C-alpha atoms as a PDB file:
ATOM      1  CA  MET A   1     -19.371   3.649  28.007  1.00  0.00           C
ATOM      2  CA  ASP A   2     -21.192   4.284  24.750  1.00  0.00           C
ATOM      3  CA  MET A   3     -19.132   2.655  22.045  1.00  0.00           C
ATOM      4  CA  GLN A   4     -20.963   4.505  19.267  1.00  0.00           C
ATOM      5  CA  THR A   5     -18.888   7.609  19.709  1.00  0.00           C
ATOM      6  CA  PRO A   6     -18.101   9.960  16.848  1.00  0.00           C
ATOM      7  CA  ASP A   7     -14.400   9.046  17.157  1.00  0.00           C
ATOM      8  CA  LEU A   8     -15.134   5.355  16.630  1.00  0.00           C
ATOM      9  CA  ARG A   9     -17.356   6.148  13.677  1.00  0.00           C
ATOM     10  CA  ARG A  10     -14.531   8.138  12.119  1.00  0.00           C
ATOM     11  CA  PHE A  11     -12.255   5.105  12.463  1.00  0.00           C
ATOM     12  CA  SER A  12     -12.238   4.676   8.684  1.00  0.00           C
ATOM     13  CA  VAL A  13     -11.033   1.633   6.809  1.00  0.00           C
ATOM     14  CA  ALA A  14      -8.688   4.056   5.038  1.00  0.00           C
ATOM     15  CA  LEU A  15      -6.559   4.144   8.209  1.00  0.00           C
ATOM     16  CA  PHE A  16      -5.129   0.801   7.143  1.00  0.00           C
ATOM     17  CA  SER A  17      -3.290   2.750   4.438  1.00  0.00           C
ATOM     18  CA  SER A  18      -0.977   3.911   7.241  1.00  0.00           C
ATOM     19  CA  VAL A  19      -0.128   0.273   7.996  1.00  0.00           C
ATOM     20  CA  MET A  20       0.592  -0.230   4.305  1.00  0.00           C
ATOM     21  CA  GLY A  21       2.880   2.792   4.313  1.00  0.00           C
ATOM     22  CA  LEU A  22       4.744   1.779   7.454  1.00  0.00           C
ATOM     23  CA  SER A  23       5.055  -1.859   6.359  1.00  0.00           C
ATOM     24  CA  GLY A  24       6.253  -0.851   2.914  1.00  0.00           C
ATOM     25  CA  PHE A  25       8.843   1.399   4.543  1.00  0.00           C
ATOM     26  CA  THR A  26       9.950  -1.500   6.768  1.00  0.00           C
ATOM     27  CA  LEU A  27      10.431  -3.934   3.879  1.00  0.00           C
ATOM     28  CA  MET A  28      12.275  -1.229   1.955  1.00  0.00           C
ATOM     29  CA  ALA A  29      14.520  -0.655   4.972  1.00  0.00           C
ATOM     30  CA  VAL A  30      15.238  -4.399   5.187  1.00  0.00           C
ATOM     31  CA  GLN A  31      16.522  -4.334   1.607  1.00  0.00           C
ATOM     32  CA  ALA A  32      18.511  -1.161   2.297  1.00  0.00           C
ATOM     33  CA  VAL A  33      20.156  -2.808   5.305  1.00  0.00           C
ATOM     34  CA  GLN A  34      21.016  -5.979   3.385  1.00  0.00           C
ATOM     35  CA  VAL A  35      22.207  -4.421   0.115  1.00  0.00           C
ATOM     36  CA  LEU A  36      23.091  -0.772   0.802  1.00  0.00           C
ATOM     37  CA  HIS A  37      24.419  -1.460   4.315  1.00  0.00           C
ATOM     38  CA  TYR A  38      22.177   0.985   6.141  1.00  0.00           C
ATOM     39  CA  PRO A  39      22.060   0.639   9.965  1.00  0.00           C
ATOM     40  CA  ALA A  40      19.937  -2.364  11.005  1.00  0.00           C
ATOM     41  CA  ILE A  41      18.192  -0.275  13.671  1.00  0.00           C
ATOM     42  CA  ILE A  42      16.208   1.464  10.906  1.00  0.00           C
ATOM     43  CA  SER A  43      14.459  -1.705   9.766  1.00  0.00           C
ATOM     44  CA  GLN A  44      14.074  -3.019  13.314  1.00  0.00           C
ATOM     45  CA  ALA A  45      12.465   0.177  14.609  1.00  0.00           C
ATOM     46  CA  ALA A  46      10.239   0.394  11.539  1.00  0.00           C
ATOM     47  CA  ALA A  47       9.104  -3.215  12.074  1.00  0.00           C
ATOM     48  CA  VAL A  48       8.118  -2.514  15.681  1.00  0.00           C
ATOM     49  CA  ILE A  49       6.169   0.602  14.693  1.00  0.00           C
ATOM     50  CA  SER A  50       4.478  -1.199  11.789  1.00  0.00           C
ATOM     51  CA  ILE A  51       3.346  -4.140  13.907  1.00  0.00           C
ATOM     52  CA  GLY A  52       2.182  -1.792  16.686  1.00  0.00           C
ATOM     53  CA  ALA A  53       0.168   0.339  14.248  1.00  0.00           C
ATOM     54  CA  PHE A  54      -1.322  -2.804  12.716  1.00  0.00           C
ATOM     55  CA  LEU A  55      -2.465  -4.162  16.086  1.00  0.00           C
ATOM     56  CA  PHE A  56      -3.896  -0.812  17.193  1.00  0.00           C
ATOM     57  CA  ILE A  57      -5.813  -0.088  13.989  1.00  0.00           C
ATOM     58  CA  THR A  58      -7.045  -3.679  13.648  1.00  0.00           C
ATOM     59  CA  ALA A  59      -8.355  -3.630  17.216  1.00  0.00           C
ATOM     60  CA  GLY A  60     -10.061  -0.289  16.608  1.00  0.00           C
ATOM     61  CA  PHE A  61     -11.698  -1.478  13.406  1.00  0.00           C
ATOM     62  CA  ILE A  62     -12.922  -4.683  15.081  1.00  0.00           C
ATOM     63  CA  LEU A  63     -14.601  -2.490  17.725  1.00  0.00           C
ATOM     64  CA  LYS A  64     -16.167  -0.450  14.954  1.00  0.00           C
ATOM     65  CA  ILE A  65     -17.531  -3.619  13.322  1.00  0.00           C
ATOM     66  CA  LEU A  66     -18.982  -4.742  16.659  1.00  0.00           C
ATOM     67  CA  PHE A  67     -20.516  -1.455  17.774  1.00  0.00           C
ATOM     68  CA  CYS A  68     -20.929   0.689  14.643  1.00  0.00           C
ATOM     69  CA  ARG A  69     -22.040  -1.759  11.992  1.00  0.00           C
ATOM     70  CA  GLU A  70     -24.118   0.809  10.141  1.00  0.00           C
ATOM     71  CA  SER A  71     -21.033   2.972   9.723  1.00  0.00           C
ATOM     72  CA  VAL A  72     -19.093   0.018   8.313  1.00  0.00           C
ATOM     73  CA  ALA A  73     -21.983  -0.720   5.940  1.00  0.00           C
ATOM     74  CA  GLU A  74     -21.902   2.888   4.727  1.00  0.00           C
ATOM     75  CA  GLU A  75     -18.212   2.562   3.879  1.00  0.00           C
ATOM     76  CA  LEU A  76     -18.776  -0.703   2.035  1.00  0.00           C
ATOM     77  CA  ASN A  77     -21.434   0.970  -0.113  1.00  0.00           C
ATOM     78  CA  ASN A  78     -19.457   4.108  -0.858  1.00  0.00           C
ATOM     79  CA  PRO A  79     -17.742   3.773  -4.289  1.00  0.00           C
ATOM     80  CA  VAL A  80     -14.826   5.970  -3.189  1.00  0.00           C
ATOM     81  CA  ILE A  81     -14.195   4.578   0.305  1.00  0.00           C
ATOM     82  CA  LEU A  82     -14.900   0.957  -0.667  1.00  0.00           C
ATOM     83  CA  ALA A  83     -11.618   0.740  -2.564  1.00  0.00           C
ATOM     84  CA  PHE A  84      -9.718   1.350   0.682  1.00  0.00           C
ATOM     85  CA  SER A  85     -11.124  -1.911   2.055  1.00  0.00           C
ATOM     86  CA  GLY A  86      -8.328  -3.481   0.042  1.00  0.00           C
ATOM     87  CA  CYS A  87      -5.888  -1.954   2.525  1.00  0.00           C
ATOM     88  CA  ILE A  88      -7.017  -4.484   5.147  1.00  0.00           C
ATOM     89  CA  PRO A  89      -5.840  -7.732   3.510  1.00  0.00           C
ATOM     90  CA  VAL A  90      -2.767  -5.980   2.095  1.00  0.00           C
ATOM     91  CA  SER A  91      -1.847  -4.890   5.630  1.00  0.00           C
ATOM     92  CA  PHE A  92      -2.161  -8.482   6.867  1.00  0.00           C
ATOM     93  CA  LEU A  93       0.000  -9.766   4.004  1.00  0.00           C
ATOM     94  CA  LEU A  94       2.682  -7.125   4.516  1.00  0.00           C
ATOM     95  CA  ILE A  95       2.800  -7.744   8.267  1.00  0.00           C
ATOM     96  CA  ALA A  96       3.103 -11.486   7.586  1.00  0.00           C
ATOM     97  CA  THR A  97       6.080 -10.730   5.335  1.00  0.00           C
ATOM     98  CA  ILE A  98       7.676  -8.618   8.070  1.00  0.00           C
ATOM     99  CA  LEU A  99       7.124 -11.415  10.611  1.00  0.00           C
ATOM    100  CA  SER A 100       8.767 -13.840   8.189  1.00  0.00           C
ATOM    101  CA  VAL A 101      11.773 -11.580   7.562  1.00  0.00           C
ATOM    102  CA  PHE A 102      12.424 -11.170  11.291  1.00  0.00           C
ATOM    103  CA  HIS A 103      11.638 -14.841  12.053  1.00  0.00           C
ATOM    104  CA  LEU A 104       8.744 -13.966  14.358  1.00  0.00           C
ATOM    105  CA  PRO A 105       5.831 -16.320  15.195  1.00  0.00           C
ATOM    106  CA  LEU A 106       2.330 -16.429  13.645  1.00  0.00           C
ATOM    107  CA  VAL A 107       3.579 -15.898  10.084  1.00  0.00           C
ATOM    108  CA  ASN A 108       1.334 -18.600   8.627  1.00  0.00           C
ATOM    109  CA  VAL A 109      -1.718 -17.471  10.582  1.00  0.00           C
ATOM    110  CA  VAL A 110      -1.414 -13.824   9.559  1.00  0.00           C
ATOM    111  CA  TRP A 111      -0.569 -14.720   5.941  1.00  0.00           C
ATOM    112  CA  TRP A 112      -3.554 -17.056   5.583  1.00  0.00           C
ATOM    113  CA  ALA A 113      -5.849 -14.463   7.185  1.00  0.00           C
ATOM    114  CA  GLY A 114      -4.616 -11.878   4.697  1.00  0.00           C
ATOM    115  CA  THR A 115      -4.979 -14.240   1.761  1.00  0.00           C
ATOM    116  CA  VAL A 116      -8.571 -15.210   2.635  1.00  0.00           C
ATOM    117  CA  LEU A 117      -9.472 -11.552   3.196  1.00  0.00           C
ATOM    118  CA  GLN A 118      -7.850 -10.679  -0.139  1.00  0.00           C
ATOM    119  CA  VAL A 119     -10.099 -13.146  -1.972  1.00  0.00           C
ATOM    120  CA  LEU A 120     -13.211 -11.839  -0.210  1.00  0.00           C
ATOM    121  CA  VAL A 121     -12.361  -8.169  -0.800  1.00  0.00           C
ATOM    122  CA  THR A 122     -11.395  -8.718  -4.439  1.00  0.00           C
ATOM    123  CA  PHE A 123     -14.617 -10.389  -5.460  1.00  0.00           C
ATOM    124  CA  TYR A 124     -16.801  -8.177  -3.271  1.00  0.00           C
ATOM    125  CA  CYS A 125     -15.388  -5.059  -4.951  1.00  0.00           C
ATOM    126  CA  LEU A 126     -15.653  -6.569  -8.428  1.00  0.00           C
ATOM    127  CA  ALA A 127     -19.265  -7.552  -7.783  1.00  0.00           C
ATOM    128  CA  PHE A 128     -20.043  -4.092  -6.399  1.00  0.00           C
ATOM    129  CA  TRP A 129     -18.588  -2.357  -9.461  1.00  0.00           C
ATOM    130  CA  VAL A 130     -20.414  -4.673 -11.872  1.00  0.00           C
ATOM    131  CA  ASN A 131     -23.779  -4.435 -10.102  1.00  0.00           C
ATOM    132  CA  SER A 132     -23.760  -0.681  -9.439  1.00  0.00           C
ATOM    133  CA  ASP A 133     -24.316   2.295 -11.714  1.00  0.00           C
ATOM    134  CA  ILE A 134     -21.206   4.240 -10.763  1.00  0.00           C
ATOM    135  CA  ASP A 135     -20.404   7.645 -12.212  1.00  0.00           C
ATOM    136  CA  LEU A 136     -16.862   7.729 -13.579  1.00  0.00           C
ATOM    137  CA  GLN A 137     -16.011  10.704 -11.352  1.00  0.00           C
ATOM    138  CA  TYR A 138     -16.082   8.368  -8.321  1.00  0.00           C
ATOM    139  CA  ALA A 139     -13.270   6.273  -9.799  1.00  0.00           C
ATOM    140  CA  THR A 140      -9.871   6.998  -8.245  1.00  0.00           C
ATOM    141  CA  PRO A 141      -6.477   5.289  -8.378  1.00  0.00           C
ATOM    142  CA  ALA A 142      -7.462   3.682  -5.054  1.00  0.00           C
ATOM    143  CA  TRP A 143      -9.576   1.288  -7.126  1.00  0.00           C
ATOM    144  CA  LEU A 144      -6.322  -0.515  -7.871  1.00  0.00           C
ATOM    145  CA  ILE A 145      -5.831  -1.477  -4.214  1.00  0.00           C
ATOM    146  CA  PRO A 146      -8.423  -4.266  -3.750  1.00  0.00           C
ATOM    147  CA  VAL A 147      -7.580  -6.123  -6.964  1.00  0.00           C
ATOM    148  CA  VAL A 148      -3.876  -5.394  -7.425  1.00  0.00           C
ATOM    149  CA  GLY A 149      -3.455  -6.397  -3.768  1.00  0.00           C
ATOM    150  CA  ASN A 150      -3.412  -9.949  -5.116  1.00  0.00           C
ATOM    151  CA  LEU A 151       0.124  -9.275  -6.335  1.00  0.00           C
ATOM    152  CA  ILE A 152       1.238  -9.002  -2.706  1.00  0.00           C
ATOM    153  CA  VAL A 153       0.107 -12.520  -1.776  1.00  0.00           C
ATOM    154  CA  PRO A 154       3.371 -14.068  -3.082  1.00  0.00           C
ATOM    155  CA  PHE A 155       5.529 -11.721  -0.946  1.00  0.00           C
ATOM    156  CA  GLY A 156       5.435 -13.960   2.101  1.00  0.00           C
ATOM    157  CA  GLY A 157       3.768 -16.994   0.549  1.00  0.00           C
ATOM    158  CA  ARG A 158       6.817 -18.815  -0.698  1.00  0.00           C
ATOM    159  CA  GLY A 159       7.396 -21.773   1.595  1.00  0.00           C
ATOM    160  CA  ILE A 160       3.810 -21.700   2.846  1.00  0.00           C
ATOM    161  CA  VAL A 161       1.972 -22.804  -0.307  1.00  0.00           C
ATOM    162  CA  SER A 162       2.888 -24.220  -3.707  1.00  0.00           C
ATOM    163  CA  GLN A 163       4.082 -22.070  -6.618  1.00  0.00           C
ATOM    164  CA  PRO A 164       0.883 -22.525  -8.729  1.00  0.00           C
ATOM    165  CA  PHE A 165      -1.134 -21.126  -5.822  1.00  0.00           C
ATOM    166  CA  LEU A 166       1.001 -17.974  -5.804  1.00  0.00           C
ATOM    167  CA  GLU A 167       0.881 -17.751  -9.602  1.00  0.00           C
ATOM    168  CA  PHE A 168      -2.922 -17.713  -9.401  1.00  0.00           C
ATOM    169  CA  PHE A 169      -2.933 -14.557  -7.295  1.00  0.00           C
ATOM    170  CA  PHE A 170      -0.201 -12.958  -9.378  1.00  0.00           C
ATOM    171  CA  SER A 171      -2.300 -13.560 -12.504  1.00  0.00           C
ATOM    172  CA  ILE A 172      -5.413 -11.944 -11.006  1.00  0.00           C
ATOM    173  CA  GLY A 173      -3.534  -8.891  -9.803  1.00  0.00           C
ATOM    174  CA  PHE A 174      -1.617  -8.474 -13.048  1.00  0.00           C
ATOM    175  CA  PHE A 175      -4.734  -8.837 -15.214  1.00  0.00           C
ATOM    176  CA  PHE A 176      -6.803  -6.271 -13.335  1.00  0.00           C
ATOM    177  CA  TRP A 177      -3.875  -3.841 -13.181  1.00  0.00           C
ATOM    178  CA  ILE A 178      -3.752  -3.914 -16.992  1.00  0.00           C
ATOM    179  CA  ILE A 179      -7.551  -3.485 -17.218  1.00  0.00           C
ATOM    180  CA  LEU A 180      -8.059  -0.759 -14.617  1.00  0.00           C
ATOM    181  CA  THR A 181      -5.087   1.485 -15.374  1.00  0.00           C
ATOM    182  CA  PRO A 182      -6.343   2.814 -18.761  1.00  0.00           C
ATOM    183  CA  ILE A 183      -9.821   3.323 -17.282  1.00  0.00           C
ATOM    184  CA  LEU A 184      -8.414   5.365 -14.408  1.00  0.00           C
ATOM    185  CA  LEU A 185      -6.104   7.354 -16.683  1.00  0.00           C
ATOM    186  CA  TYR A 186      -9.084   8.157 -18.909  1.00  0.00           C
ATOM    187  CA  ARG A 187     -11.021   9.380 -15.863  1.00  0.00           C
ATOM    188  CA  ILE A 188      -8.130  11.569 -14.680  1.00  0.00           C
ATOM    189  CA  ILE A 189      -7.402  13.069 -18.096  1.00  0.00           C
ATOM    190  CA  PHE A 190     -10.891  13.616 -19.496  1.00  0.00           C
ATOM    191  CA  CYS A 191     -13.044  14.099 -16.386  1.00  0.00           C
ATOM    192  CA  ASP A 192     -12.910  16.534 -13.462  1.00  0.00           C
ATOM    193  CA  GLN A 193      -9.609  16.872 -11.627  1.00  0.00           C
ATOM    194  CA  LEU A 194      -9.215  14.859  -8.432  1.00  0.00           C
ATOM    195  CA  LYS A 195     -10.112  16.775  -5.290  1.00  0.00           C
ATOM    196  CA  GLU A 196      -7.202  18.010  -3.213  1.00  0.00           C
ATOM    197  CA  ASN A 197      -7.575  15.292  -0.576  1.00  0.00           C
ATOM    198  CA  LEU A 198      -7.403  12.611  -3.289  1.00  0.00           C
ATOM    199  CA  ARG A 199      -4.363  13.906  -5.185  1.00  0.00           C
ATOM    200  CA  PRO A 200      -1.853  11.763  -3.231  1.00  0.00           C
ATOM    201  CA  LEU A 201      -3.625   8.741  -4.714  1.00  0.00           C
ATOM    202  CA  LEU A 202      -1.900   9.487  -8.031  1.00  0.00           C
ATOM    203  CA  PHE A 203       1.176   7.856  -6.498  1.00  0.00           C
ATOM    204  CA  ILE A 204      -0.712   4.546  -6.486  1.00  0.00           C
ATOM    205  CA  PHE A 205       0.005   4.187 -10.215  1.00  0.00           C
ATOM    206  CA  ILE A 206       3.629   3.518  -9.243  1.00  0.00           C
ATOM    207  CA  ALA A 207       2.713   0.569  -7.030  1.00  0.00           C
ATOM    208  CA  PRO A 208       1.386  -2.211  -9.331  1.00  0.00           C
ATOM    209  CA  PRO A 209       4.420  -2.590 -11.619  1.00  0.00           C
ATOM    210  CA  ALA A 210       6.828  -2.205  -8.693  1.00  0.00           C
ATOM    211  CA  ILE A 211       4.887  -4.746  -6.629  1.00  0.00           C
ATOM    212  CA  ALA A 212       4.814  -7.058  -9.648  1.00  0.00           C
ATOM    213  CA  VAL A 213       8.632  -6.955  -9.802  1.00  0.00           C
ATOM    214  CA  VAL A 214       9.004  -8.005  -6.157  1.00  0.00           C
ATOM    215  CA  SER A 215       6.174 -10.536  -6.440  1.00  0.00           C
ATOM    216  CA  TYR A 216       7.558 -12.139  -9.608  1.00  0.00           C
ATOM    217  CA  LEU A 217      10.999 -12.476  -8.032  1.00  0.00           C
ATOM    218  CA  SER A 218       9.421 -13.957  -4.888  1.00  0.00           C
ATOM    219  CA  ILE A 219       7.633 -16.622  -6.935  1.00  0.00           C
ATOM    220  CA  PHE A 220      10.464 -17.585  -9.299  1.00  0.00           C
ATOM    221  CA  GLY A 221      13.397 -17.230  -6.942  1.00  0.00           C
ATOM    222  CA  ASP A 222      15.115 -14.065  -8.098  1.00  0.00           C
ATOM    223  CA  HIS A 223      14.884 -15.000 -11.780  1.00  0.00           C
ATOM    224  CA  TYR A 224      15.664 -11.740 -13.585  1.00  0.00           C
ATOM    225  CA  ASP A 225      14.559 -11.514 -17.207  1.00  0.00           C
ATOM    226  CA  PHE A 226      13.135  -9.001 -19.668  1.00  0.00           C
ATOM    227  CA  PHE A 227       9.681  -9.224 -18.048  1.00  0.00           C
ATOM    228  CA  VAL A 228      11.129  -8.021 -14.731  1.00  0.00           C
ATOM    229  CA  THR A 229      12.924  -5.164 -16.497  1.00  0.00           C
ATOM    230  CA  LEU A 230       9.742  -4.234 -18.369  1.00  0.00           C
ATOM    231  CA  LEU A 231       7.710  -4.093 -15.163  1.00  0.00           C
ATOM    232  CA  TYR A 232      10.396  -2.085 -13.410  1.00  0.00           C
ATOM    233  CA  ASN A 233      10.638   0.444 -16.244  1.00  0.00           C
ATOM    234  CA  VAL A 234       6.860   0.970 -16.247  1.00  0.00           C
ATOM    235  CA  GLY A 235       7.040   1.691 -12.527  1.00  0.00           C
ATOM    236  CA  LEU A 236       9.961   4.025 -13.183  1.00  0.00           C
ATOM    237  CA  ALA A 237       7.942   5.891 -15.812  1.00  0.00           C
ATOM    238  CA  PHE A 238       5.092   6.481 -13.348  1.00  0.00           C
ATOM    239  CA  THR A 239       7.657   7.577 -10.736  1.00  0.00           C
ATOM    240  CA  PHE A 240       9.024  10.199 -13.125  1.00  0.00           C
ATOM    241  CA  LEU A 241       5.458  11.264 -13.948  1.00  0.00           C
ATOM    242  CA  THR A 242       4.698  12.010 -10.290  1.00  0.00           C
ATOM    243  CA  LEU A 243       7.888  14.081 -10.121  1.00  0.00           C
ATOM    244  CA  VAL A 244       6.791  16.071 -13.170  1.00  0.00           C
ATOM    245  CA  LEU A 245       3.449  16.678 -11.442  1.00  0.00           C
ATOM    246  CA  TYR A 246       5.132  17.913  -8.249  1.00  0.00           C
ATOM    247  CA  LYS A 247       3.081  21.139  -8.226  1.00  0.00           C
ATOM    248  CA  LYS A 248      -0.016  19.071  -7.476  1.00  0.00           C
ATOM    249  CA  PHE A 249       1.540  17.811  -4.237  1.00  0.00           C
ATOM    250  CA  ILE A 250       3.969  20.420  -2.976  1.00  0.00           C
ATOM    251  CA  HIS A 251       1.478  22.542  -1.004  1.00  0.00           C
ATOM    252  CA  LEU A 252      -1.011  19.856   0.023  1.00  0.00           C
ATOM    253  CA  LYS A 253      -2.355  19.644   3.543  1.00  0.00           C
ATOM    254  CA  PHE A 254      -2.149  16.372   5.448  1.00  0.00           C
ATOM    255  CA  TYR A 255      -4.969  13.908   4.773  1.00  0.00           C
ATOM    256  CA  THR A 256      -5.343  10.207   5.488  1.00  0.00           C
ATOM    257  CA  SER A 257      -4.713   9.726   1.771  1.00  0.00           C
ATOM    258  CA  SER A 258      -1.244  11.259   2.269  1.00  0.00           C
ATOM    259  CA  TRP A 259      -0.070   7.772   3.246  1.00  0.00           C
ATOM    260  CA  ALA A 260      -0.367   6.977  -0.476  1.00  0.00           C
ATOM    261  CA  PHE A 261       2.919   8.835  -0.911  1.00  0.00           C
ATOM    262  CA  ILE A 262       4.758   6.202   1.123  1.00  0.00           C
ATOM    263  CA  PHE A 263       3.840   2.658   0.092  1.00  0.00           C
ATOM    264  CA  PRO A 264       4.150   3.018  -3.708  1.00  0.00           C
ATOM    265  CA  SER A 265       7.423   4.920  -3.350  1.00  0.00           C
ATOM    266  CA  ALA A 266       8.745   2.373  -0.845  1.00  0.00           C
ATOM    267  CA  VAL A 267       7.978  -0.636  -3.014  1.00  0.00           C
ATOM    268  CA  MET A 268       9.535   1.152  -6.003  1.00  0.00           C
ATOM    269  CA  THR A 269      12.654   1.721  -3.905  1.00  0.00           C
ATOM    270  CA  THR A 270      12.650  -1.953  -2.919  1.00  0.00           C
ATOM    271  CA  ALA A 271      12.480  -2.920  -6.588  1.00  0.00           C
ATOM    272  CA  SER A 272      15.335  -0.492  -7.380  1.00  0.00           C
ATOM    273  CA  ILE A 273      17.524  -1.986  -4.656  1.00  0.00           C
ATOM    274  CA  LYS A 274      16.827  -5.476  -5.989  1.00  0.00           C
ATOM    275  CA  MET A 275      17.744  -4.339  -9.503  1.00  0.00           C
ATOM    276  CA  TYR A 276      21.001  -2.880  -8.184  1.00  0.00           C
ATOM    277  CA  ALA A 277      21.792  -6.036  -6.201  1.00  0.00           C
ATOM    278  CA  HIS A 278      21.460  -8.123  -9.362  1.00  0.00           C
ATOM    279  CA  TYR A 279      22.841  -5.872 -12.107  1.00  0.00           C
ATOM    280  CA  GLY A 280      25.149  -3.589 -10.138  1.00  0.00           C
ATOM    281  CA  TYR A 281      24.385  -0.543 -12.299  1.00  0.00           C
ATOM    282  CA  ALA A 282      25.271   2.828 -10.768  1.00  0.00           C
ATOM    283  CA  PHE A 283      21.916   4.244 -11.896  1.00  0.00           C
ATOM    284  CA  TYR A 284      20.006   1.796  -9.678  1.00  0.00           C
ATOM    285  CA  PHE A 285      22.413   2.488  -6.820  1.00  0.00           C
ATOM    286  CA  TYR A 286      21.978   6.259  -6.798  1.00  0.00           C
ATOM    287  CA  LEU A 287      18.248   6.062  -7.541  1.00  0.00           C
ATOM    288  CA  SER A 288      17.768   3.750  -4.552  1.00  0.00           C
ATOM    289  CA  HIS A 289      19.516   6.223  -2.248  1.00  0.00           C
ATOM    290  CA  VAL A 290      17.588   9.221  -3.609  1.00  0.00           C
ATOM    291  CA  LEU A 291      14.228   7.464  -3.287  1.00  0.00           C
ATOM    292  CA  PHE A 292      15.065   6.235   0.213  1.00  0.00           C
ATOM    293  CA  MET A 293      15.992   9.725   1.406  1.00  0.00           C
ATOM    294  CA  GLY A 294      12.909  11.214  -0.257  1.00  0.00           C
ATOM    295  CA  ILE A 295      10.636   8.730   1.507  1.00  0.00           C
ATOM    296  CA  CYS A 296      12.321   9.456   4.841  1.00  0.00           C
ATOM    297  CA  PHE A 297      11.616  13.152   4.300  1.00  0.00           C
ATOM    298  CA  VAL A 298       7.930  12.491   3.568  1.00  0.00           C
ATOM    299  CA  MET A 299       7.714  10.181   6.611  1.00  0.00           C
ATOM    300  CA  LEU A 300       9.076  12.966   8.791  1.00  0.00           C
ATOM    301  CA  TRP A 301       6.502  15.371   7.333  1.00  0.00           C
ATOM    302  CA  ILE A 302       3.652  12.924   8.005  1.00  0.00           C
ATOM    303  CA  THR A 303       4.917  12.301  11.558  1.00  0.00           C
ATOM    304  CA  ARG A 304       5.064  16.047  12.200  1.00  0.00           C
ATOM    305  CA  GLN A 305       1.526  16.544  10.887  1.00  0.00           C
ATOM    306  CA  ILE A 306       0.151  13.704  13.025  1.00  0.00           C
ATOM    307  CA  LEU A 307       1.834  15.069  16.151  1.00  0.00           C
ATOM    308  CA  LYS A 308       0.413  18.523  15.423  1.00  0.00           C
ATOM    309  CA  MET A 309      -3.095  17.043  15.117  1.00  0.00           C
ATOM    310  CA  ILE A 310      -2.711  15.162  18.405  1.00  0.00           C
ATOM    311  CA  LEU A 311      -1.479  18.253  20.226  1.00  0.00           C
ATOM    312  CA  CYS A 312      -4.291  20.384  18.794  1.00  0.00           C
ATOM    313  CA  ARG A 313      -6.898  17.879  19.974  1.00  0.00           C
ATOM    314  CA  ARG A 314      -5.414  17.837  23.472  1.00  0.00           C
ATOM    315  CA  VAL A 315      -5.543  21.623  23.616  1.00  0.00           C
ATOM    316  CA  GLU A 316      -9.159  21.639  22.425  1.00  0.00           C
ATOM    317  CA  ASN A 317     -10.146  19.045  25.048  1.00  0.00           C
ATOM    318  CA  ARG A 318      -8.775  21.067  27.955  1.00  0.00           C
END
């Protein structure tokens, strides 16, 4: 069997964004079960699907590294696709968090693998950006993934390493979120509009402040203060912005980037549920339900589109 098939070559690193989406949905569902009393089967089924998708995509990408190295090298030298390499360590870290929540084995192994990969990806991407002459039009919100992914390290790290270790990663992620966001907003406002297949990436702006809320609470043991509220409100502002821009998304076709709808929205919902659990405000309660139902709707749409693609390929192959 020739492993250098077109299908294997098209096994893009961006596929790990689906693991991010599914894992984010799972962790959101865990909070919904615990706080909003949703049926436990939702989080359990989501966990199984997330872990299965992670194993399948990881195995496929390992095969690609072994048999299509030139294709991997092309992705690592593409200023647009490179940013999606950050989805790999983030996927490991999210899966480690899921394993921890459900008291499954290999938590430490998967978490450490994700943490080491996060360091490598962060500094590889930073070095690439510094050493390359990159036109601003190639910058997309996906650039936030490899560096802001550091904020996810504390999710499942408490109890594995010391607090200063987690604070180190939080600091890196927070710093580069503050630096990159104005650059990316400048590109979006004053340069050419994002292509249709990249428009879902606008949702990524929601993720960093929402992730920072969950990460901060993971490090300091659910210590709610003004900083947490500030982060949450910034995430809320970007959430409202994406709703105002609904015309950009309403008629989009399905792309791999469509998974960007899920993870940022899911982590924002998780943050909202945590805010409700602590403060008990009705606003957080209803917002959590609305966001959860909205994400479920988008998940159903993505599932339908994937099934249609699979069926079309089977018909073509007959």
